[in-house]
N, C-alpha and C. Protein backbone atom coordinates (compact mmCIF):
# COMPACT_ATOMS: atom_id res chain seq x y z
N MET A 1 16.20 -11.40 5.28
CA MET A 1 15.10 -12.27 4.95
C MET A 1 14.68 -12.03 3.50
N ALA A 2 14.43 -13.09 2.82
CA ALA A 2 14.00 -13.01 1.43
C ALA A 2 12.50 -13.26 1.35
N HIS A 3 11.84 -12.59 0.45
CA HIS A 3 10.41 -12.77 0.23
C HIS A 3 10.21 -13.44 -1.12
N PHE A 4 9.26 -14.37 -1.15
CA PHE A 4 8.94 -15.09 -2.38
C PHE A 4 7.44 -15.08 -2.59
N ALA A 5 7.03 -14.86 -3.83
CA ALA A 5 5.62 -14.86 -4.20
C ALA A 5 5.29 -16.14 -4.94
N GLU A 6 4.21 -16.80 -4.52
CA GLU A 6 3.72 -17.96 -5.25
C GLU A 6 2.76 -17.48 -6.32
N LEU A 7 2.96 -17.99 -7.54
CA LEU A 7 2.14 -17.59 -8.69
C LEU A 7 1.31 -18.76 -9.18
N ASP A 8 0.09 -18.46 -9.63
CA ASP A 8 -0.70 -19.51 -10.27
C ASP A 8 -0.38 -19.53 -11.76
N GLU A 9 -1.14 -20.30 -12.53
CA GLU A 9 -0.85 -20.46 -13.96
C GLU A 9 -1.09 -19.19 -14.77
N THR A 10 -1.81 -18.21 -14.20
CA THR A 10 -2.02 -16.93 -14.90
C THR A 10 -1.07 -15.84 -14.37
N ASN A 11 -0.11 -16.22 -13.54
CA ASN A 11 0.86 -15.31 -12.92
C ASN A 11 0.23 -14.36 -11.90
N THR A 12 -0.90 -14.77 -11.32
CA THR A 12 -1.51 -14.04 -10.22
C THR A 12 -0.83 -14.47 -8.92
N VAL A 13 -0.54 -13.49 -8.05
CA VAL A 13 0.12 -13.78 -6.77
C VAL A 13 -0.89 -14.39 -5.81
N LEU A 14 -0.57 -15.60 -5.33
CA LEU A 14 -1.44 -16.32 -4.40
C LEU A 14 -1.07 -16.04 -2.95
N ARG A 15 0.22 -15.94 -2.68
CA ARG A 15 0.70 -15.66 -1.32
C ARG A 15 2.14 -15.21 -1.40
N VAL A 16 2.59 -14.57 -0.33
CA VAL A 16 3.97 -14.12 -0.23
C VAL A 16 4.53 -14.70 1.07
N ILE A 17 5.69 -15.34 0.97
CA ILE A 17 6.29 -16.04 2.11
C ILE A 17 7.70 -15.53 2.33
N VAL A 18 8.09 -15.47 3.59
CA VAL A 18 9.45 -15.05 3.96
C VAL A 18 10.30 -16.30 4.16
N VAL A 19 11.50 -16.27 3.59
CA VAL A 19 12.46 -17.37 3.73
C VAL A 19 13.72 -16.80 4.37
N HIS A 20 14.21 -17.48 5.38
CA HIS A 20 15.39 -16.99 6.12
C HIS A 20 16.63 -16.97 5.22
N ASN A 21 17.49 -16.01 5.50
CA ASN A 21 18.73 -15.87 4.72
C ASN A 21 19.62 -17.11 4.79
N ASP A 22 19.50 -17.89 5.86
CA ASP A 22 20.29 -19.13 5.95
C ASP A 22 19.97 -20.07 4.79
N ILE A 23 18.77 -19.95 4.26
CA ILE A 23 18.35 -20.80 3.13
C ILE A 23 18.83 -20.22 1.81
N THR A 24 18.68 -18.92 1.65
CA THR A 24 18.90 -18.30 0.33
C THR A 24 20.34 -17.88 0.06
N TYR A 25 21.17 -17.81 1.10
CA TYR A 25 22.56 -17.37 0.90
C TYR A 25 23.52 -18.55 0.93
N LEU A 26 24.49 -18.50 0.04
CA LEU A 26 25.58 -19.46 0.00
C LEU A 26 26.86 -18.67 -0.24
N ASP A 27 27.80 -18.78 0.69
CA ASP A 27 29.06 -18.03 0.61
C ASP A 27 28.82 -16.52 0.47
N ASP A 28 27.90 -16.01 1.29
CA ASP A 28 27.58 -14.57 1.34
C ASP A 28 26.98 -14.04 0.04
N VAL A 29 26.46 -14.91 -0.81
CA VAL A 29 25.81 -14.49 -2.05
C VAL A 29 24.39 -15.04 -2.05
N GLU A 30 23.41 -14.15 -2.28
CA GLU A 30 22.02 -14.60 -2.32
C GLU A 30 21.75 -15.33 -3.62
N ASP A 31 21.05 -16.45 -3.51
CA ASP A 31 20.75 -17.30 -4.66
C ASP A 31 19.24 -17.57 -4.67
N GLU A 32 18.53 -16.92 -5.59
CA GLU A 32 17.07 -17.06 -5.67
C GLU A 32 16.66 -18.52 -5.82
N GLN A 33 17.40 -19.28 -6.61
CA GLN A 33 17.01 -20.66 -6.87
C GLN A 33 17.02 -21.51 -5.60
N ARG A 34 17.92 -21.20 -4.66
CA ARG A 34 17.94 -21.94 -3.39
C ARG A 34 16.62 -21.73 -2.64
N GLY A 35 16.09 -20.51 -2.66
CA GLY A 35 14.81 -20.25 -2.02
C GLY A 35 13.67 -20.94 -2.74
N ILE A 36 13.70 -20.93 -4.05
CA ILE A 36 12.67 -21.60 -4.85
C ILE A 36 12.69 -23.10 -4.57
N ASP A 37 13.86 -23.70 -4.56
CA ASP A 37 13.97 -25.14 -4.29
C ASP A 37 13.45 -25.48 -2.90
N PHE A 38 13.78 -24.63 -1.92
CA PHE A 38 13.32 -24.84 -0.54
C PHE A 38 11.79 -24.81 -0.50
N LEU A 39 11.18 -23.83 -1.15
CA LEU A 39 9.72 -23.70 -1.12
C LEU A 39 9.04 -24.83 -1.89
N ASN A 40 9.63 -25.26 -3.00
CA ASN A 40 9.05 -26.40 -3.73
C ASN A 40 9.12 -27.67 -2.91
N ASP A 41 10.18 -27.85 -2.11
CA ASP A 41 10.26 -29.01 -1.22
C ASP A 41 9.24 -28.91 -0.09
N LEU A 42 9.08 -27.69 0.45
CA LEU A 42 8.17 -27.47 1.56
C LEU A 42 6.71 -27.56 1.13
N PHE A 43 6.42 -27.05 -0.07
CA PHE A 43 5.06 -27.06 -0.63
C PHE A 43 5.08 -27.72 -2.00
N PRO A 44 5.10 -29.05 -2.05
CA PRO A 44 5.28 -29.74 -3.35
C PRO A 44 4.17 -29.48 -4.36
N ASP A 45 2.98 -29.11 -3.92
CA ASP A 45 1.88 -28.87 -4.85
C ASP A 45 1.69 -27.38 -5.16
N SER A 46 2.68 -26.58 -4.82
CA SER A 46 2.55 -25.13 -5.02
C SER A 46 2.80 -24.76 -6.48
N GLY A 47 2.52 -23.48 -6.77
CA GLY A 47 2.76 -22.95 -8.12
C GLY A 47 4.21 -22.54 -8.28
N ASP A 48 4.44 -21.66 -9.24
CA ASP A 48 5.78 -21.13 -9.46
C ASP A 48 6.10 -20.10 -8.39
N TRP A 49 7.39 -19.93 -8.08
CA TRP A 49 7.85 -18.97 -7.08
C TRP A 49 8.77 -17.95 -7.73
N LYS A 50 8.61 -16.70 -7.35
CA LYS A 50 9.50 -15.62 -7.79
C LYS A 50 9.90 -14.82 -6.56
N GLN A 51 11.16 -14.47 -6.48
CA GLN A 51 11.61 -13.66 -5.36
C GLN A 51 11.14 -12.22 -5.56
N CYS A 52 10.76 -11.60 -4.46
CA CYS A 52 10.37 -10.19 -4.46
C CYS A 52 11.03 -9.55 -3.25
N SER A 53 10.86 -8.29 -3.07
CA SER A 53 11.51 -7.63 -1.94
C SER A 53 10.59 -6.61 -1.32
N TYR A 54 10.51 -6.65 0.00
CA TYR A 54 9.72 -5.69 0.74
C TYR A 54 10.48 -4.38 0.89
N ASN A 55 11.80 -4.45 0.96
CA ASN A 55 12.63 -3.28 1.25
C ASN A 55 13.26 -2.63 0.02
N HIS A 56 13.27 -3.31 -1.08
CA HIS A 56 13.94 -2.79 -2.28
C HIS A 56 12.99 -2.84 -3.46
N ASN A 57 13.34 -2.20 -4.53
CA ASN A 57 12.51 -2.21 -5.73
C ASN A 57 12.88 -3.37 -6.64
N MET A 58 13.09 -4.53 -6.04
CA MET A 58 13.38 -5.71 -6.84
C MET A 58 12.11 -6.11 -7.60
N ARG A 59 12.19 -6.20 -8.89
CA ARG A 59 11.06 -6.56 -9.73
C ARG A 59 9.90 -5.57 -9.56
N GLY A 60 10.24 -4.30 -9.60
CA GLY A 60 9.21 -3.26 -9.60
C GLY A 60 8.70 -2.91 -8.23
N VAL A 61 7.65 -3.57 -7.80
CA VAL A 61 7.04 -3.32 -6.50
C VAL A 61 7.00 -4.63 -5.73
N HIS A 62 6.77 -4.53 -4.44
CA HIS A 62 6.64 -5.75 -3.64
C HIS A 62 5.39 -6.50 -4.07
N ALA A 63 5.51 -7.79 -4.22
CA ALA A 63 4.37 -8.61 -4.63
C ALA A 63 3.27 -8.54 -3.58
N SER A 64 2.02 -8.52 -4.03
CA SER A 64 0.89 -8.52 -3.11
C SER A 64 -0.15 -9.50 -3.60
N VAL A 65 -0.82 -10.14 -2.66
CA VAL A 65 -1.84 -11.13 -2.99
C VAL A 65 -2.89 -10.48 -3.88
N GLY A 66 -3.21 -11.13 -4.98
CA GLY A 66 -4.16 -10.59 -5.94
C GLY A 66 -3.49 -9.78 -7.03
N GLY A 67 -2.23 -9.40 -6.81
CA GLY A 67 -1.46 -8.71 -7.83
C GLY A 67 -0.99 -9.72 -8.87
N SER A 68 -0.09 -9.31 -9.73
CA SER A 68 0.37 -10.21 -10.78
C SER A 68 1.85 -10.02 -11.06
N TYR A 69 2.38 -10.97 -11.78
CA TYR A 69 3.78 -10.93 -12.20
C TYR A 69 3.80 -10.89 -13.72
N ASP A 70 4.60 -9.98 -14.29
CA ASP A 70 4.76 -9.87 -15.73
C ASP A 70 6.06 -10.55 -16.12
N PRO A 71 5.99 -11.75 -16.71
CA PRO A 71 7.23 -12.47 -17.03
C PRO A 71 8.05 -11.79 -18.13
N ASP A 72 7.39 -11.06 -19.04
CA ASP A 72 8.14 -10.38 -20.10
C ASP A 72 8.95 -9.22 -19.54
N GLY A 73 8.36 -8.46 -18.65
CA GLY A 73 9.05 -7.31 -18.05
C GLY A 73 9.79 -7.67 -16.78
N ASP A 74 9.55 -8.88 -16.23
CA ASP A 74 10.16 -9.36 -14.99
C ASP A 74 9.87 -8.40 -13.83
N PHE A 75 8.57 -8.05 -13.64
CA PHE A 75 8.18 -7.20 -12.53
C PHE A 75 6.79 -7.59 -12.02
N PHE A 76 6.52 -7.18 -10.78
CA PHE A 76 5.21 -7.41 -10.16
C PHE A 76 4.34 -6.17 -10.35
N ARG A 77 3.04 -6.41 -10.37
CA ARG A 77 2.04 -5.34 -10.40
C ARG A 77 1.15 -5.51 -9.18
N HIS A 78 0.77 -4.39 -8.57
CA HIS A 78 -0.27 -4.44 -7.55
C HIS A 78 -1.59 -4.68 -8.25
N PRO A 79 -2.63 -5.12 -7.52
CA PRO A 79 -3.94 -5.25 -8.17
C PRO A 79 -4.39 -3.91 -8.73
N GLN A 80 -5.10 -3.95 -9.84
CA GLN A 80 -5.60 -2.73 -10.48
C GLN A 80 -6.69 -2.13 -9.60
N MET A 81 -6.52 -0.86 -9.25
CA MET A 81 -7.47 -0.21 -8.34
C MET A 81 -8.80 0.12 -9.01
N HIS A 82 -8.75 0.57 -10.26
CA HIS A 82 -9.95 0.97 -10.98
C HIS A 82 -9.81 0.55 -12.44
N PRO A 83 -10.92 0.17 -13.09
CA PRO A 83 -10.83 -0.29 -14.48
C PRO A 83 -10.22 0.72 -15.44
N SER A 84 -10.38 2.00 -15.18
CA SER A 84 -9.87 3.01 -16.11
C SER A 84 -8.37 3.27 -15.96
N TRP A 85 -7.77 2.77 -14.91
CA TRP A 85 -6.37 3.07 -14.67
C TRP A 85 -5.47 2.21 -15.54
N VAL A 86 -4.34 2.78 -15.95
CA VAL A 86 -3.40 2.11 -16.86
C VAL A 86 -2.09 1.89 -16.12
N HIS A 87 -1.52 0.72 -16.32
CA HIS A 87 -0.25 0.40 -15.67
C HIS A 87 0.92 1.01 -16.43
N ASN A 88 1.81 1.67 -15.70
CA ASN A 88 3.03 2.22 -16.27
C ASN A 88 4.13 1.21 -15.98
N ASP A 89 4.59 0.51 -17.01
CA ASP A 89 5.59 -0.53 -16.82
C ASP A 89 6.96 0.01 -16.43
N THR A 90 7.19 1.28 -16.62
CA THR A 90 8.48 1.88 -16.22
C THR A 90 8.51 2.15 -14.73
N THR A 91 7.43 2.72 -14.20
CA THR A 91 7.38 3.03 -12.76
C THR A 91 6.75 1.90 -11.95
N CYS A 92 6.13 0.95 -12.64
CA CYS A 92 5.41 -0.17 -12.00
C CYS A 92 4.27 0.32 -11.12
N GLN A 93 3.63 1.40 -11.52
CA GLN A 93 2.50 1.97 -10.79
C GLN A 93 1.29 2.07 -11.71
N TRP A 94 0.09 2.06 -11.10
CA TRP A 94 -1.14 2.28 -11.83
C TRP A 94 -1.40 3.77 -11.87
N ASN A 95 -1.78 4.31 -13.02
CA ASN A 95 -2.05 5.73 -13.18
C ASN A 95 -3.50 5.96 -13.59
N ALA A 96 -4.10 6.95 -12.95
CA ALA A 96 -5.46 7.36 -13.31
C ALA A 96 -5.42 8.06 -14.65
N PRO A 97 -6.57 8.15 -15.33
CA PRO A 97 -6.61 8.85 -16.62
C PRO A 97 -6.20 10.32 -16.51
N THR A 98 -6.42 10.93 -15.35
CA THR A 98 -5.96 12.30 -15.11
C THR A 98 -5.15 12.32 -13.82
N ALA A 99 -4.16 13.16 -13.78
CA ALA A 99 -3.29 13.24 -12.60
C ALA A 99 -4.07 13.74 -11.39
N ALA A 100 -3.69 13.23 -10.23
CA ALA A 100 -4.31 13.69 -8.99
C ALA A 100 -3.95 15.15 -8.74
N PRO A 101 -4.83 15.92 -8.09
CA PRO A 101 -4.49 17.31 -7.77
C PRO A 101 -3.16 17.39 -7.03
N ASP A 102 -2.35 18.33 -7.40
CA ASP A 102 -1.03 18.53 -6.79
C ASP A 102 -0.12 17.32 -6.94
N GLY A 103 -0.38 16.49 -7.95
CA GLY A 103 0.51 15.39 -8.26
C GLY A 103 0.47 14.23 -7.29
N GLY A 104 -0.55 14.15 -6.47
CA GLY A 104 -0.62 13.05 -5.50
C GLY A 104 -0.74 11.71 -6.19
N TYR A 105 -0.10 10.70 -5.63
CA TYR A 105 -0.15 9.35 -6.19
C TYR A 105 -1.39 8.63 -5.70
N MET A 106 -2.19 8.16 -6.61
CA MET A 106 -3.37 7.36 -6.34
C MET A 106 -4.31 8.05 -5.35
N GLY A 107 -4.26 9.37 -5.26
CA GLY A 107 -5.18 10.08 -4.40
C GLY A 107 -4.80 10.07 -2.94
N THR A 108 -3.77 9.32 -2.57
CA THR A 108 -3.46 9.20 -1.16
C THR A 108 -2.63 10.36 -0.65
N SER A 109 -1.61 10.78 -1.39
CA SER A 109 -0.78 11.86 -0.89
C SER A 109 -1.40 13.22 -1.15
N SER A 110 -2.34 13.32 -2.08
CA SER A 110 -2.96 14.61 -2.34
C SER A 110 -4.19 14.82 -1.47
N GLY A 111 -4.74 13.76 -0.92
CA GLY A 111 -5.93 13.86 -0.09
C GLY A 111 -7.23 13.66 -0.84
N TYR A 112 -7.19 13.62 -2.15
CA TYR A 112 -8.39 13.43 -2.95
C TYR A 112 -8.61 11.95 -3.23
N LEU A 113 -9.84 11.58 -3.57
CA LEU A 113 -10.17 10.19 -3.89
C LEU A 113 -10.65 10.10 -5.33
N TRP A 114 -10.30 9.00 -5.99
CA TRP A 114 -10.71 8.81 -7.38
C TRP A 114 -12.17 8.37 -7.44
N ASN A 115 -12.95 9.01 -8.31
CA ASN A 115 -14.34 8.67 -8.56
C ASN A 115 -14.38 8.02 -9.94
N GLU A 116 -14.49 6.71 -9.97
CA GLU A 116 -14.44 5.97 -11.23
C GLU A 116 -15.63 6.31 -12.13
N ASP A 117 -16.82 6.50 -11.55
CA ASP A 117 -18.00 6.79 -12.37
C ASP A 117 -17.87 8.13 -13.09
N ALA A 118 -17.40 9.15 -12.38
CA ALA A 118 -17.28 10.49 -12.97
C ALA A 118 -15.92 10.73 -13.62
N GLN A 119 -14.98 9.80 -13.38
CA GLN A 119 -13.61 9.95 -13.89
C GLN A 119 -12.98 11.26 -13.40
N THR A 120 -13.16 11.53 -12.10
CA THR A 120 -12.63 12.75 -11.50
C THR A 120 -12.02 12.45 -10.14
N TRP A 121 -11.20 13.39 -9.68
CA TRP A 121 -10.68 13.35 -8.31
C TRP A 121 -11.63 14.16 -7.45
N ASP A 122 -12.15 13.56 -6.39
CA ASP A 122 -13.12 14.23 -5.54
C ASP A 122 -12.57 14.43 -4.13
N ILE A 123 -13.11 15.43 -3.46
CA ILE A 123 -12.79 15.65 -2.05
C ILE A 123 -13.50 14.56 -1.26
N PRO A 124 -12.83 13.93 -0.28
CA PRO A 124 -13.50 12.92 0.54
C PRO A 124 -14.70 13.52 1.28
N LEU A 125 -15.61 12.67 1.72
CA LEU A 125 -16.79 13.14 2.44
C LEU A 125 -16.38 13.92 3.69
N GLN A 126 -17.11 14.98 3.97
CA GLN A 126 -16.84 15.83 5.12
C GLN A 126 -17.23 15.07 6.40
N PRO A 127 -16.30 14.91 7.35
CA PRO A 127 -16.63 14.14 8.55
C PRO A 127 -17.61 14.85 9.48
N TYR A 128 -17.50 16.18 9.58
CA TYR A 128 -18.39 16.97 10.44
C TYR A 128 -18.67 18.30 9.76
N PRO A 129 -19.86 18.87 9.95
CA PRO A 129 -20.20 20.14 9.29
C PRO A 129 -19.25 21.29 9.63
N SER A 130 -18.65 21.28 10.80
CA SER A 130 -17.79 22.39 11.21
C SER A 130 -16.37 22.30 10.63
N TRP A 131 -16.01 21.17 10.06
CA TRP A 131 -14.65 20.99 9.56
C TRP A 131 -14.52 21.59 8.16
N THR A 132 -13.32 22.04 7.83
CA THR A 132 -13.04 22.62 6.52
C THR A 132 -11.94 21.82 5.81
N PHE A 133 -12.01 21.85 4.50
CA PHE A 133 -11.01 21.10 3.71
C PHE A 133 -9.80 22.00 3.46
N ASN A 134 -8.65 21.61 3.94
CA ASN A 134 -7.41 22.38 3.81
C ASN A 134 -6.75 22.05 2.49
N THR A 135 -6.61 23.05 1.63
CA THR A 135 -5.94 22.87 0.35
C THR A 135 -4.65 23.68 0.27
N ASP A 136 -4.16 24.12 1.44
CA ASP A 136 -2.94 24.95 1.44
C ASP A 136 -1.73 24.20 0.90
N SER A 137 -1.54 22.96 1.33
CA SER A 137 -0.43 22.16 0.83
C SER A 137 -0.76 20.69 1.02
N PRO A 138 -0.26 19.84 0.13
CA PRO A 138 -0.55 18.40 0.26
C PRO A 138 0.10 17.84 1.52
N PRO A 139 -0.43 16.84 2.13
CA PRO A 139 -1.70 16.24 1.70
C PRO A 139 -2.90 17.07 2.17
N HIS A 140 -3.82 17.30 1.26
CA HIS A 140 -5.03 18.03 1.60
C HIS A 140 -5.88 17.15 2.52
N HIS A 141 -6.58 17.78 3.44
CA HIS A 141 -7.33 17.01 4.42
C HIS A 141 -8.39 17.87 5.11
N TRP A 142 -9.32 17.17 5.75
CA TRP A 142 -10.34 17.86 6.54
C TRP A 142 -9.73 18.23 7.88
N GLU A 143 -9.98 19.48 8.30
CA GLU A 143 -9.44 19.97 9.58
C GLU A 143 -10.57 20.45 10.48
N PRO A 144 -10.47 20.12 11.77
CA PRO A 144 -11.45 20.65 12.71
C PRO A 144 -11.16 22.13 13.00
N PRO A 145 -12.15 22.86 13.50
CA PRO A 145 -11.91 24.27 13.81
C PRO A 145 -10.98 24.46 15.01
N VAL A 146 -10.78 23.40 15.79
CA VAL A 146 -9.89 23.41 16.95
C VAL A 146 -8.87 22.29 16.76
N PRO A 147 -7.57 22.59 16.88
CA PRO A 147 -6.57 21.53 16.68
C PRO A 147 -6.74 20.36 17.65
N PHE A 148 -6.40 19.18 17.17
CA PHE A 148 -6.42 17.99 18.01
C PHE A 148 -5.41 18.15 19.14
N PRO A 149 -5.78 17.83 20.40
CA PRO A 149 -4.86 18.05 21.51
C PRO A 149 -3.66 17.10 21.53
N GLY A 150 -3.71 16.07 20.72
CA GLY A 150 -2.58 15.14 20.66
C GLY A 150 -2.78 13.96 21.58
N MET A 151 -1.87 12.99 21.44
CA MET A 151 -1.92 11.83 22.32
C MET A 151 -0.52 11.28 22.49
N LEU A 152 -0.31 10.65 23.63
CA LEU A 152 0.97 10.03 23.93
C LEU A 152 0.97 8.61 23.38
N VAL A 153 1.95 8.29 22.56
CA VAL A 153 2.07 6.94 22.03
C VAL A 153 3.40 6.37 22.50
N THR A 154 3.34 5.23 23.17
CA THR A 154 4.54 4.55 23.66
C THR A 154 4.68 3.22 22.94
N GLU A 155 5.69 2.46 23.33
CA GLU A 155 5.85 1.13 22.71
C GLU A 155 4.69 0.21 23.06
N ASP A 156 3.92 0.56 24.10
CA ASP A 156 2.72 -0.21 24.47
C ASP A 156 1.48 0.27 23.73
N GLY A 157 1.65 1.28 22.87
CA GLY A 157 0.53 1.80 22.10
C GLY A 157 0.06 3.14 22.65
N PRO A 158 -1.08 3.63 22.12
CA PRO A 158 -1.60 4.93 22.57
C PRO A 158 -1.95 4.89 24.06
N GLN A 159 -1.68 6.00 24.74
CA GLN A 159 -1.95 6.11 26.17
C GLN A 159 -3.00 7.20 26.41
N PRO A 160 -3.79 7.06 27.48
CA PRO A 160 -4.78 8.09 27.80
C PRO A 160 -4.09 9.42 28.07
N PRO A 161 -4.79 10.54 27.92
CA PRO A 161 -6.22 10.63 27.62
C PRO A 161 -6.50 10.46 26.13
N PHE A 162 -7.72 9.99 25.85
CA PHE A 162 -8.20 9.84 24.48
C PHE A 162 -9.29 10.89 24.24
N TYR A 163 -9.46 11.28 22.97
CA TYR A 163 -10.41 12.33 22.64
C TYR A 163 -11.30 11.92 21.49
N ASP A 164 -12.54 12.42 21.54
CA ASP A 164 -13.50 12.32 20.44
C ASP A 164 -13.94 13.73 20.07
N TRP A 165 -14.34 13.90 18.83
CA TRP A 165 -14.85 15.20 18.41
C TRP A 165 -16.31 15.33 18.80
N ASP A 166 -16.67 16.45 19.41
CA ASP A 166 -18.05 16.76 19.76
C ASP A 166 -18.52 17.90 18.87
N GLU A 167 -19.36 17.57 17.91
CA GLU A 167 -19.82 18.58 16.95
C GLU A 167 -20.72 19.62 17.61
N ASP A 168 -21.46 19.23 18.65
CA ASP A 168 -22.36 20.18 19.32
C ASP A 168 -21.58 21.32 19.97
N THR A 169 -20.43 21.00 20.55
CA THR A 169 -19.61 22.04 21.21
C THR A 169 -18.43 22.46 20.34
N THR A 170 -18.29 21.85 19.19
CA THR A 170 -17.14 22.03 18.29
C THR A 170 -15.84 22.05 19.08
N SER A 171 -15.63 20.93 19.81
CA SER A 171 -14.42 20.80 20.62
C SER A 171 -14.07 19.32 20.79
N TRP A 172 -12.84 19.09 21.19
CA TRP A 172 -12.37 17.74 21.51
C TRP A 172 -12.76 17.44 22.95
N VAL A 173 -13.37 16.27 23.18
CA VAL A 173 -13.83 15.89 24.50
C VAL A 173 -13.06 14.65 24.93
N GLU A 174 -12.54 14.69 26.16
CA GLU A 174 -11.80 13.54 26.67
C GLU A 174 -12.76 12.41 26.94
N VAL A 175 -12.37 11.19 26.51
CA VAL A 175 -13.17 9.99 26.76
C VAL A 175 -12.33 8.98 27.53
N GLU A 176 -13.00 8.11 28.23
CA GLU A 176 -12.28 7.09 29.02
C GLU A 176 -12.20 5.80 28.27
């Protein structure tokens, strides 16, 4: 399946649509223009279309609504997360003015969150007074004093028993 991003006149991504390979392939060769022609026929009043990829690094990153396309560099950008962040056209990622602790990307893999006002990486809010922030190895995170008992997840989704944290007893309590 091929993915295509619709762009407005400022190269902002308006939507991303999947087009079946039967449309985009001819003689076992993918042809972007076939997908563009198909979408222009299907949506005659649409903007420009550019192929992107969910599974590959085609044109930098996968196009996302609100993101943009750079025609000079021929790559997509995700929306800018914070005004102080600068786009790296080589990696196609937004970078904070200072690196996240332990090299985490955008604060997600390191466990810290960016504070735009202070221009710092901060520890997320503590969920419960008894929990401690684990900085032993990334991703850093808040940990309860008692390990989570776990849950069974099947193709039908999570299965009972389910648990909630009880701060009064500092334990996991089964809920129905």
